[in-house]
Amino acid sequence: MSTSKSTAADISRRGFLTTAGTSALALATGASLGHYVQAQSAEPIRIGFQQHSTGIGAAYGRWYGRTSEAAVAAINEMGGINGRPVELVAEDDGTDPKRGAEVVEKFAKQRNCDVGFGTLFSHVVIGSAPRAGELKLPYFVVSEGHHVASGMLNRYTLQPAITDVKSQVQAMAPYVADTLGKKVTMIYPDFAFGHDHRDYFSAAIEAQGGTVIEKIAIPPTETSFTRYFPRIPRDTEVIYHVMVGPAVLTFVKEMGEFFGGRGPQMFGFIDSLEAVDIQSPGLEFLEGSYFWEGNPRYAQSDQTDFDKAFRAAVGVDDNGASISDGRDVSTYAHMFGCWETLFVIKRGMEACDYKGPADRAKLIEAVEAMSGFEESMQFPQGPKVFNGKTHQAFGYQYISKVENGRLNRVHTTGMEDGFYEDEVDYTSHPL
């Protein structure tokens, strides 16, 4: 299978037509809400959750945990996997690559986990994936980094339910160039995730006749940012910003203080505001600016029943905050990936009749054989194409504009806008 545009489009149509009917029937009849069936083993399926509970990814880790617990509860309500209950085994990796590799080893050797799951930060994925490959532990990441599809990792690492940065920026660059401007200054974190943005957006905007006139890399642990802003050239038409970590609110506030409401157009990744209330004092200057969202934080006027049900299951209101505490803003643009990835694991294990660690290779082959996922309760963010050769998912991208203090979706890219040529064929690698 290839993700060249024509082939991937065929995959999309074929996959969705064959699966959509099954999903609709299940939802209509309630067939998916079964009970536990008689299984050969009463042992739970143990899914190792590599959680960023501490470190710069802690805000994501908390909401990834909340989402994953809700997904596991839903799966168990449906009867588990192959008649067995599912247990989530969480371990804190500190958002640190060395600890990440140790957590993966612990999953395989001490916690009796069937698979590893849930890693977001790209430097942790890159530090952990080699050990997962050595231990032959299926490792399902929710990272967005291009390192999976680039061929940098191994056959045991898969990213089946969230798109990667290369696909995202390629799909959005035409809108940025046509709507906001073509002379861009980029501000990004100085590690693998930020480097993906730097490299792939630069290429994507050049393909639209634009150019990146300055690239400002900032250490992800930085706490003050004002000293970086004088590097922004005066002829900048668009500031492209993507920051992560506990200091993102400070970053955005200081950027507003620097420009005083008179700066160039702004296009940011919502990463710069994940878990941050957009109505916080000092963020008023964001009115009229644009953001990429993997999944719109605010319920939109055409909200689907699937999004309503997903928010209810995880405990998120129509503003993207916790139902129990409106000040607790979620990481809504990303955390759907945990929910959807757990349902991919369920489908893969059921497809290969998974019974235990001896069937891990069969699980990899079963997921590689998948071609896509229909929009449904299991995939509430939207439909996706999955490329089994590159282990990478493709889907829609959303651009939102800040209007009256909330994010309103103003553009949805086409599915095929994010396709690119295959860079690896993991199916040719040994298991």
Protein backbone atom coordinates (compact mmCIF):
# COMPACT_ATOMS: atom_id res chain seq x y z
CA MET A 1 0.00 0.00 0.00
CA SER A 2 1.18 3.47 -0.77
CA THR A 3 0.07 6.88 0.43
CA SER A 4 0.57 8.39 -2.96
CA LYS A 5 -2.54 10.47 -3.60
CA SER A 6 -4.33 8.22 -6.06
CA THR A 7 -3.75 5.00 -4.18
CA ALA A 8 -4.60 6.43 -0.78
CA ALA A 9 -7.83 7.84 -2.15
CA ASP A 10 -8.77 4.38 -3.32
CA ILE A 11 -7.93 3.03 0.10
CA SER A 12 -10.09 5.69 1.71
CA ARG A 13 -13.15 4.97 -0.38
CA ARG A 14 -12.82 1.20 -0.16
CA GLY A 15 -12.15 1.13 3.55
CA PHE A 16 -14.89 3.52 4.54
CA LEU A 17 -17.54 1.96 2.35
CA THR A 18 -16.90 -1.47 3.81
CA THR A 19 -16.67 -0.41 7.44
CA ALA A 20 -19.27 2.34 7.67
CA GLY A 21 -22.15 -0.04 7.20
CA THR A 22 -20.90 -2.34 9.92
CA SER A 23 -20.55 0.54 12.34
CA ALA A 24 -23.96 1.96 11.59
CA LEU A 25 -25.55 -1.44 12.12
CA ALA A 26 -23.76 -1.87 15.42
CA LEU A 27 -24.82 1.54 16.66
CA ALA A 28 -28.38 1.08 15.48
CA THR A 29 -28.85 -2.34 17.05
CA GLY A 30 -26.67 -1.90 20.09
CA ALA A 31 -24.78 -4.97 18.98
CA SER A 32 -21.47 -3.44 20.02
CA LEU A 33 -22.67 -3.11 23.61
CA GLY A 34 -22.40 -6.78 24.33
CA HIS A 35 -21.42 -8.57 27.48
CA TYR A 36 -18.36 -10.57 28.34
CA VAL A 37 -18.39 -13.84 26.46
CA GLN A 38 -16.84 -17.10 27.56
CA ALA A 39 -13.09 -16.77 26.99
CA GLN A 40 -10.34 -19.35 27.23
CA SER A 41 -8.53 -17.10 29.72
CA ALA A 42 -9.99 -14.90 32.43
CA GLU A 43 -6.74 -12.95 32.61
CA PRO A 44 -7.11 -9.32 31.61
CA ILE A 45 -5.49 -7.85 28.54
CA ARG A 46 -2.87 -5.58 30.10
CA ILE A 47 -2.12 -2.37 28.20
CA GLY A 48 0.96 -0.52 29.43
CA PHE A 49 0.23 3.22 29.43
CA GLN A 50 3.45 5.25 29.15
CA GLN A 51 2.17 8.39 30.85
CA HIS A 52 3.77 11.84 31.02
CA SER A 53 2.60 12.31 34.62
CA THR A 54 5.50 14.62 35.43
CA GLY A 55 7.88 16.78 33.41
CA ILE A 56 7.01 19.16 30.57
CA GLY A 57 4.26 16.87 29.27
CA ALA A 58 2.32 16.61 32.55
CA ALA A 59 -0.77 18.52 31.36
CA TYR A 60 -1.07 16.18 28.40
CA GLY A 61 -0.33 13.15 30.56
CA ARG A 62 -3.17 13.94 32.93
CA TRP A 63 -5.74 14.28 30.14
CA TYR A 64 -4.32 11.38 28.14
CA GLY A 65 -4.82 9.35 31.32
CA ARG A 66 -8.37 10.51 31.82
CA THR A 67 -9.23 9.77 28.18
CA SER A 68 -7.57 6.34 28.24
CA GLU A 69 -9.40 5.33 31.42
CA ALA A 70 -12.69 6.33 29.79
CA ALA A 71 -11.87 4.34 26.65
CA VAL A 72 -10.95 1.24 28.63
CA ALA A 73 -14.21 1.56 30.60
CA ALA A 74 -16.12 1.76 27.30
CA ILE A 75 -14.30 -1.26 25.87
CA ASN A 76 -15.00 -3.30 29.00
CA GLU A 77 -18.63 -2.25 28.81
CA MET A 78 -18.64 -3.70 25.29
CA GLY A 79 -17.35 -7.03 26.59
CA GLY A 80 -13.62 -6.36 26.61
CA ILE A 81 -11.32 -7.85 24.00
CA ASN A 82 -11.87 -11.44 22.91
CA GLY A 83 -14.06 -11.92 25.96
CA ARG A 84 -11.36 -10.73 28.37
CA PRO A 85 -11.41 -7.53 30.43
CA VAL A 86 -8.87 -4.81 29.69
CA GLU A 87 -6.60 -3.35 32.34
CA LEU A 88 -4.65 -0.10 31.93
CA VAL A 89 -1.21 -0.26 33.58
CA ALA A 90 0.13 3.30 33.94
CA GLU A 91 3.78 4.19 34.53
CA ASP A 92 5.19 7.72 34.70
CA ASP A 93 8.03 8.33 32.25
CA GLY A 94 8.70 11.88 33.47
CA THR A 95 8.49 13.02 29.82
CA ASP A 96 12.08 11.82 29.68
CA PRO A 97 13.49 9.54 26.95
CA LYS A 98 15.76 7.52 29.25
CA ARG A 99 12.97 6.87 31.71
CA GLY A 100 10.70 6.14 28.78
CA ALA A 101 12.91 3.26 27.66
CA GLU A 102 12.95 1.97 31.24
CA VAL A 103 9.15 2.10 31.38
CA VAL A 104 8.88 0.10 28.14
CA GLU A 105 11.20 -2.54 29.58
CA LYS A 106 9.16 -2.63 32.79
CA PHE A 107 5.97 -3.19 30.79
CA ALA A 108 7.50 -6.21 29.05
CA LYS A 109 9.51 -7.78 31.87
CA GLN A 110 7.77 -6.86 35.14
CA ARG A 111 4.18 -5.75 34.55
CA ASN A 112 3.24 -8.55 32.12
CA CYS A 113 1.82 -6.10 29.61
CA ASP A 114 0.64 -7.25 26.22
CA VAL A 115 1.41 -3.92 24.50
CA GLY A 116 2.77 -0.45 25.25
CA PHE A 117 0.67 2.61 24.47
CA GLY A 118 0.06 6.33 24.72
CA THR A 119 3.36 8.21 24.35
CA LEU A 120 3.08 11.81 23.10
CA PHE A 121 6.36 13.70 23.25
CA SER A 122 8.53 12.81 20.28
CA HIS A 123 11.87 12.71 22.09
CA VAL A 124 10.39 10.11 24.47
CA VAL A 125 9.08 8.06 21.54
CA ILE A 126 12.49 8.17 19.85
CA GLY A 127 14.17 7.13 23.11
CA SER A 128 11.72 4.31 23.84
CA ALA A 129 10.94 2.74 20.48
CA PRO A 130 14.30 0.95 20.03
CA ARG A 131 13.78 -0.92 23.34
CA ALA A 132 10.23 -1.84 22.32
CA GLY A 133 11.63 -3.27 19.10
CA GLU A 134 14.30 -5.27 20.93
CA LEU A 135 11.69 -6.68 23.33
CA LYS A 136 9.20 -7.25 20.46
CA LEU A 137 6.58 -5.30 22.40
CA PRO A 138 3.94 -3.65 20.17
CA TYR A 139 4.27 0.08 20.91
CA PHE A 140 1.30 2.25 19.90
CA VAL A 141 2.19 5.96 20.09
CA VAL A 142 0.00 9.10 20.01
CA SER A 143 2.77 11.51 19.17
CA GLU A 144 2.31 13.34 15.83
CA GLY A 145 6.05 13.08 15.17
CA HIS A 146 7.08 12.07 11.66
CA HIS A 147 9.66 9.67 13.10
CA VAL A 148 7.28 6.70 12.70
CA ALA A 149 6.49 7.17 9.00
CA SER A 150 10.03 8.34 8.19
CA GLY A 151 11.40 4.83 8.78
CA MET A 152 13.49 6.00 11.73
CA LEU A 153 11.97 3.46 14.15
CA ASN A 154 10.99 -0.20 13.79
CA ARG A 155 8.18 -2.58 12.92
CA TYR A 156 6.92 -2.76 16.50
CA THR A 157 6.11 0.99 16.65
CA LEU A 158 2.81 2.19 15.16
CA GLN A 159 0.84 5.46 15.08
CA PRO A 160 -2.61 4.42 13.84
CA ALA A 161 -4.93 7.14 15.16
CA ILE A 162 -3.30 10.56 14.98
CA THR A 163 -1.77 12.33 12.00
CA ASP A 164 1.86 13.41 11.91
CA VAL A 165 3.33 16.90 11.57
CA LYS A 166 4.44 16.40 7.98
CA SER A 167 0.89 15.61 6.91
CA GLN A 168 -0.64 18.39 9.03
CA VAL A 169 1.51 21.25 7.74
CA GLN A 170 1.37 20.07 4.14
CA ALA A 171 -2.43 20.12 4.30
CA MET A 172 -2.64 23.57 5.92
CA ALA A 173 0.07 25.49 4.05
CA PRO A 174 -2.21 26.48 1.14
CA TYR A 175 -4.68 28.13 3.57
CA VAL A 176 -1.89 29.97 5.38
CA ALA A 177 -0.40 31.27 2.13
CA ASP A 178 -3.72 32.27 0.57
CA THR A 179 -5.36 33.77 3.66
CA LEU A 180 -2.62 35.14 5.93
CA GLY A 181 0.56 35.77 3.96
CA LYS A 182 3.64 34.19 2.43
CA LYS A 183 6.57 35.67 4.42
CA VAL A 184 6.67 33.61 7.59
CA THR A 185 8.69 33.67 10.82
CA MET A 186 8.58 30.38 12.73
CA ILE A 187 8.86 29.98 16.53
CA TYR A 188 9.12 26.36 17.66
CA PRO A 189 10.54 24.11 20.42
CA ASP A 190 14.10 22.99 19.88
CA PHE A 191 13.63 19.22 19.81
CA ALA A 192 12.38 16.59 17.37
CA PHE A 193 8.74 17.72 17.31
CA GLY A 194 9.75 21.34 16.65
CA HIS A 195 12.27 20.26 14.05
CA ASP A 196 9.50 18.43 12.19
CA HIS A 197 7.58 21.73 12.04
CA ARG A 198 10.68 23.66 10.94
CA ASP A 199 11.56 21.26 8.15
CA TYR A 200 8.17 20.25 6.79
CA PHE A 201 6.38 23.59 7.04
CA SER A 202 9.32 25.32 5.35
CA ALA A 203 9.00 22.93 2.43
CA ALA A 204 5.22 23.17 2.39
CA ILE A 205 5.05 26.98 2.32
CA GLU A 206 7.72 27.12 -0.39
CA ALA A 207 5.51 24.84 -2.49
CA GLN A 208 2.84 27.57 -2.16
CA GLY A 209 5.21 30.33 -3.32
CA GLY A 210 6.02 31.48 0.21
CA THR A 211 9.16 31.48 2.32
CA VAL A 212 10.25 31.20 5.94
CA ILE A 213 12.36 34.30 6.56
CA GLU A 214 13.39 33.49 10.16
CA LYS A 215 13.46 30.33 12.27
CA ILE A 216 13.52 30.83 16.05
CA ALA A 217 14.14 27.65 18.07
CA ILE A 218 13.43 27.83 21.81
CA PRO A 219 14.47 25.20 24.39
CA PRO A 220 11.33 23.35 25.58
CA THR A 221 12.20 24.05 29.22
CA GLU A 222 12.51 27.84 28.68
CA THR A 223 10.44 29.99 31.07
CA SER A 224 10.88 33.50 29.60
CA PHE A 225 10.59 34.37 25.94
CA THR A 226 10.73 38.14 25.42
CA ARG A 227 14.42 38.10 24.50
CA TYR A 228 13.66 35.95 21.44
CA PHE A 229 11.08 38.28 19.85
CA PRO A 230 13.44 41.04 18.56
CA ARG A 231 14.71 38.42 16.07
CA ILE A 232 11.36 38.59 14.23
CA PRO A 233 12.03 40.49 10.94
CA ARG A 234 10.00 43.64 10.34
CA ASP A 235 8.68 42.38 7.00
CA THR A 236 7.15 39.26 8.56
CA GLU A 237 3.58 38.74 7.33
CA VAL A 238 2.76 35.67 9.43
CA ILE A 239 4.10 34.40 12.74
CA TYR A 240 3.86 30.60 12.91
CA HIS A 241 4.14 29.51 16.52
CA VAL A 242 4.06 26.12 18.18
CA MET A 243 5.20 25.78 21.78
CA VAL A 244 4.77 23.09 24.41
CA GLY A 245 5.26 22.66 28.15
CA PRO A 246 4.15 24.36 31.36
CA ALA A 247 5.28 27.84 30.22
CA VAL A 248 3.03 28.10 27.15
CA LEU A 249 0.74 30.67 28.81
CA THR A 250 3.77 32.84 29.59
CA PHE A 251 4.97 32.47 26.01
CA VAL A 252 1.68 33.64 24.52
CA LYS A 253 1.26 36.50 26.99
CA GLU A 254 4.79 37.80 26.38
CA MET A 255 4.25 37.61 22.63
CA GLY A 256 1.14 39.77 23.04
CA GLU A 257 2.98 42.28 25.22
CA PHE A 258 5.76 42.51 22.63
CA PHE A 259 3.47 43.32 19.71
CA GLY A 260 0.89 45.33 21.63
CA GLY A 261 -1.86 44.31 19.23
CA ARG A 262 -0.04 45.72 16.16
CA GLY A 263 1.86 42.67 14.96
CA PRO A 264 1.62 40.52 11.86
CA GLN A 265 -0.97 37.82 11.29
CA MET A 266 -0.68 34.88 13.66
CA PHE A 267 -1.07 31.21 12.91
CA GLY A 268 -0.41 28.89 15.82
CA PHE A 269 -0.65 25.25 16.64
CA ILE A 270 -3.06 24.80 19.51
CA ASP A 271 -0.15 23.18 21.34
CA SER A 272 0.72 26.76 22.35
CA LEU A 273 -2.61 26.92 24.20
CA GLU A 274 -3.42 23.32 25.14
CA ALA A 275 -4.76 23.13 28.72
CA VAL A 276 -4.88 26.96 28.78
CA ASP A 277 -8.09 29.01 29.05
CA ILE A 278 -8.15 31.21 25.94
CA GLN A 279 -10.02 33.84 27.96
CA SER A 280 -7.16 34.20 30.43
CA PRO A 281 -6.17 37.84 31.10
CA GLY A 282 -3.47 38.96 28.69
CA LEU A 283 -4.63 36.79 25.78
CA GLU A 284 -7.08 39.32 24.34
CA PHE A 285 -4.62 40.08 21.51
CA LEU A 286 -5.30 36.59 20.09
CA GLU A 287 -8.71 37.76 18.87
CA GLY A 288 -8.77 37.25 15.10
CA SER A 289 -5.76 34.90 15.06
CA TYR A 290 -5.77 31.35 13.70
CA PHE A 291 -4.93 27.96 15.17
CA TRP A 292 -4.54 24.40 13.96
CA GLU A 293 -6.62 21.97 15.99
CA GLY A 294 -6.44 18.19 15.74
CA ASN A 295 -9.96 18.17 17.16
CA PRO A 296 -11.91 21.40 17.80
CA ARG A 297 -11.88 22.32 21.51
CA TYR A 298 -15.22 24.09 21.40
CA ALA A 299 -18.33 22.21 20.29
CA GLN A 300 -19.10 23.50 16.79
CA SER A 301 -22.51 24.32 15.31
CA ASP A 302 -22.41 21.07 13.29
CA GLN A 303 -21.22 18.94 16.22
CA THR A 304 -21.68 15.22 15.60
CA ASP A 305 -23.38 12.80 17.96
CA PHE A 306 -20.01 11.05 18.20
CA ASP A 307 -18.32 14.18 19.54
CA LYS A 308 -21.15 14.70 22.02
CA ALA A 309 -20.79 11.13 23.27
CA PHE A 310 -16.99 11.37 23.44
CA ARG A 311 -17.14 14.55 25.53
CA ALA A 312 -19.66 12.94 27.88
CA ALA A 313 -17.55 9.78 28.28
CA VAL A 314 -14.37 11.71 29.13
CA GLY A 315 -16.14 14.42 31.15
CA VAL A 316 -15.53 17.47 28.95
CA ASP A 317 -18.01 20.29 28.38
CA ASP A 318 -18.78 22.22 25.19
CA ASN A 319 -15.91 24.64 25.94
CA GLY A 320 -13.32 21.86 26.18
CA ALA A 321 -13.02 22.04 29.97
CA SER A 322 -13.73 19.51 32.68
CA ILE A 323 -17.41 19.13 33.50
CA SER A 324 -16.52 19.17 37.18
CA ASP A 325 -14.27 22.25 36.99
CA GLY A 326 -14.61 24.75 34.16
CA ARG A 327 -11.14 26.13 34.94
CA ASP A 328 -9.56 22.76 34.11
CA VAL A 329 -9.09 23.06 30.33
CA SER A 330 -8.35 19.82 28.51
CA THR A 331 -5.89 18.94 25.77
CA TYR A 332 -8.84 18.31 23.46
CA ALA A 333 -6.95 18.72 20.19
CA HIS A 334 -4.78 15.69 20.92
CA MET A 335 -6.34 13.36 23.50
CA PHE A 336 -8.86 11.79 21.09
CA GLY A 337 -5.82 9.90 19.77
CA CYS A 338 -5.67 7.83 22.96
CA TRP A 339 -9.33 6.90 22.74
CA GLU A 340 -9.07 5.92 19.08
CA THR A 341 -5.76 4.06 19.43
CA LEU A 342 -7.22 1.82 22.14
CA PHE A 343 -10.03 0.87 19.77
CA VAL A 344 -7.43 0.09 17.07
CA ILE A 345 -5.70 -2.25 19.55
CA LYS A 346 -9.06 -3.89 20.28
CA ARG A 347 -9.77 -4.40 16.57
CA GLY A 348 -6.29 -5.75 15.94
CA MET A 349 -6.44 -8.24 18.80
CA GLU A 350 -9.86 -9.44 17.72
CA ALA A 351 -8.76 -9.76 14.09
CA CYS A 352 -5.82 -12.02 15.00
CA ASP A 353 -7.59 -13.84 17.86
CA TYR A 354 -4.93 -12.57 20.23
CA LYS A 355 -4.40 -14.82 23.25
CA GLY A 356 -1.14 -13.60 24.77
CA PRO A 357 2.41 -12.31 24.20
CA ALA A 358 3.18 -15.19 21.81
CA ASP A 359 0.70 -13.54 19.43
CA ARG A 360 2.33 -10.10 19.41
CA ALA A 361 3.69 -10.58 15.88
CA LYS A 362 0.21 -11.58 14.71
CA LEU A 363 -1.15 -8.38 16.25
CA ILE A 364 1.35 -6.27 14.31
CA GLU A 365 0.35 -8.00 11.05
CA ALA A 366 -3.35 -7.57 11.83
CA VAL A 367 -2.99 -3.81 12.33
CA GLU A 368 -0.80 -3.50 9.22
CA ALA A 369 -3.63 -5.10 7.25
CA MET A 370 -6.05 -2.31 8.22
CA SER A 371 -6.76 0.38 5.61
CA GLY A 372 -8.76 2.95 7.56
CA PHE A 373 -11.31 3.75 10.19
CA GLU A 374 -14.82 5.12 9.83
CA GLU A 375 -16.10 8.12 11.77
CA SER A 376 -17.95 6.53 14.66
CA MET A 377 -18.13 6.39 18.44
CA GLN A 378 -14.80 4.56 18.28
CA PHE A 379 -13.28 7.27 16.03
CA PRO A 380 -15.09 10.49 17.01
CA GLN A 381 -12.48 12.89 15.57
CA GLY A 382 -13.27 11.76 12.04
CA PRO A 383 -12.45 9.10 9.44
CA LYS A 384 -8.88 8.08 8.79
CA VAL A 385 -6.76 6.27 6.24
CA PHE A 386 -4.16 3.98 7.72
CA ASN A 387 -1.03 3.02 5.80
CA GLY A 388 0.16 -0.38 7.01
CA LYS A 389 3.54 -0.01 5.31
CA THR A 390 4.46 3.21 7.12
CA HIS A 391 2.41 2.53 10.29
CA GLN A 392 0.91 6.05 10.02
CA ALA A 393 -2.66 7.40 10.01
CA PHE A 394 -3.97 10.23 7.79
CA GLY A 395 -7.05 12.36 8.41
CA TYR A 396 -8.69 15.76 8.28
CA GLN A 397 -7.04 18.89 9.72
CA TYR A 398 -9.00 21.74 11.28
CA ILE A 399 -8.16 25.47 11.26
CA SER A 400 -9.99 27.63 13.80
CA LYS A 401 -10.20 31.38 14.29
CA VAL A 402 -10.49 33.18 17.63
CA GLU A 403 -13.81 35.02 17.54
CA ASN A 404 -15.40 36.58 20.63
CA GLY A 405 -13.03 34.64 22.84
CA ARG A 406 -13.70 31.17 21.45
CA LEU A 407 -12.28 29.02 18.67
CA ASN A 408 -14.57 28.62 15.69
CA ARG A 409 -13.60 26.22 12.93
CA VAL A 410 -13.19 28.12 9.64
CA HIS A 411 -11.52 25.53 7.42
CA THR A 412 -11.28 21.76 7.12
CA THR A 413 -8.62 20.33 4.83
CA GLY A 414 -9.25 17.51 2.41
CA MET A 415 -8.20 14.01 3.40
CA GLU A 416 -5.84 13.74 0.45
CA ASP A 417 -4.20 17.12 1.18
CA GLY A 418 -2.02 15.42 3.80
CA PHE A 419 -0.89 12.41 1.79
CA TYR A 420 2.78 12.02 0.89
CA GLU A 421 4.92 9.33 -0.71
CA ASP A 422 5.94 6.35 1.40
CA GLU A 423 9.39 6.61 2.98
CA VAL A 424 9.50 3.11 4.45
CA ASP A 425 7.86 -0.30 4.18
CA TYR A 426 7.90 -1.77 7.68
CA THR A 427 6.07 -4.87 6.44
CA SER A 428 9.31 -5.92 4.77
CA HIS A 429 11.14 -5.83 8.11
CA PRO A 430 11.41 -9.05 10.15
CA LEU A 431 9.17 -9.63 13.16
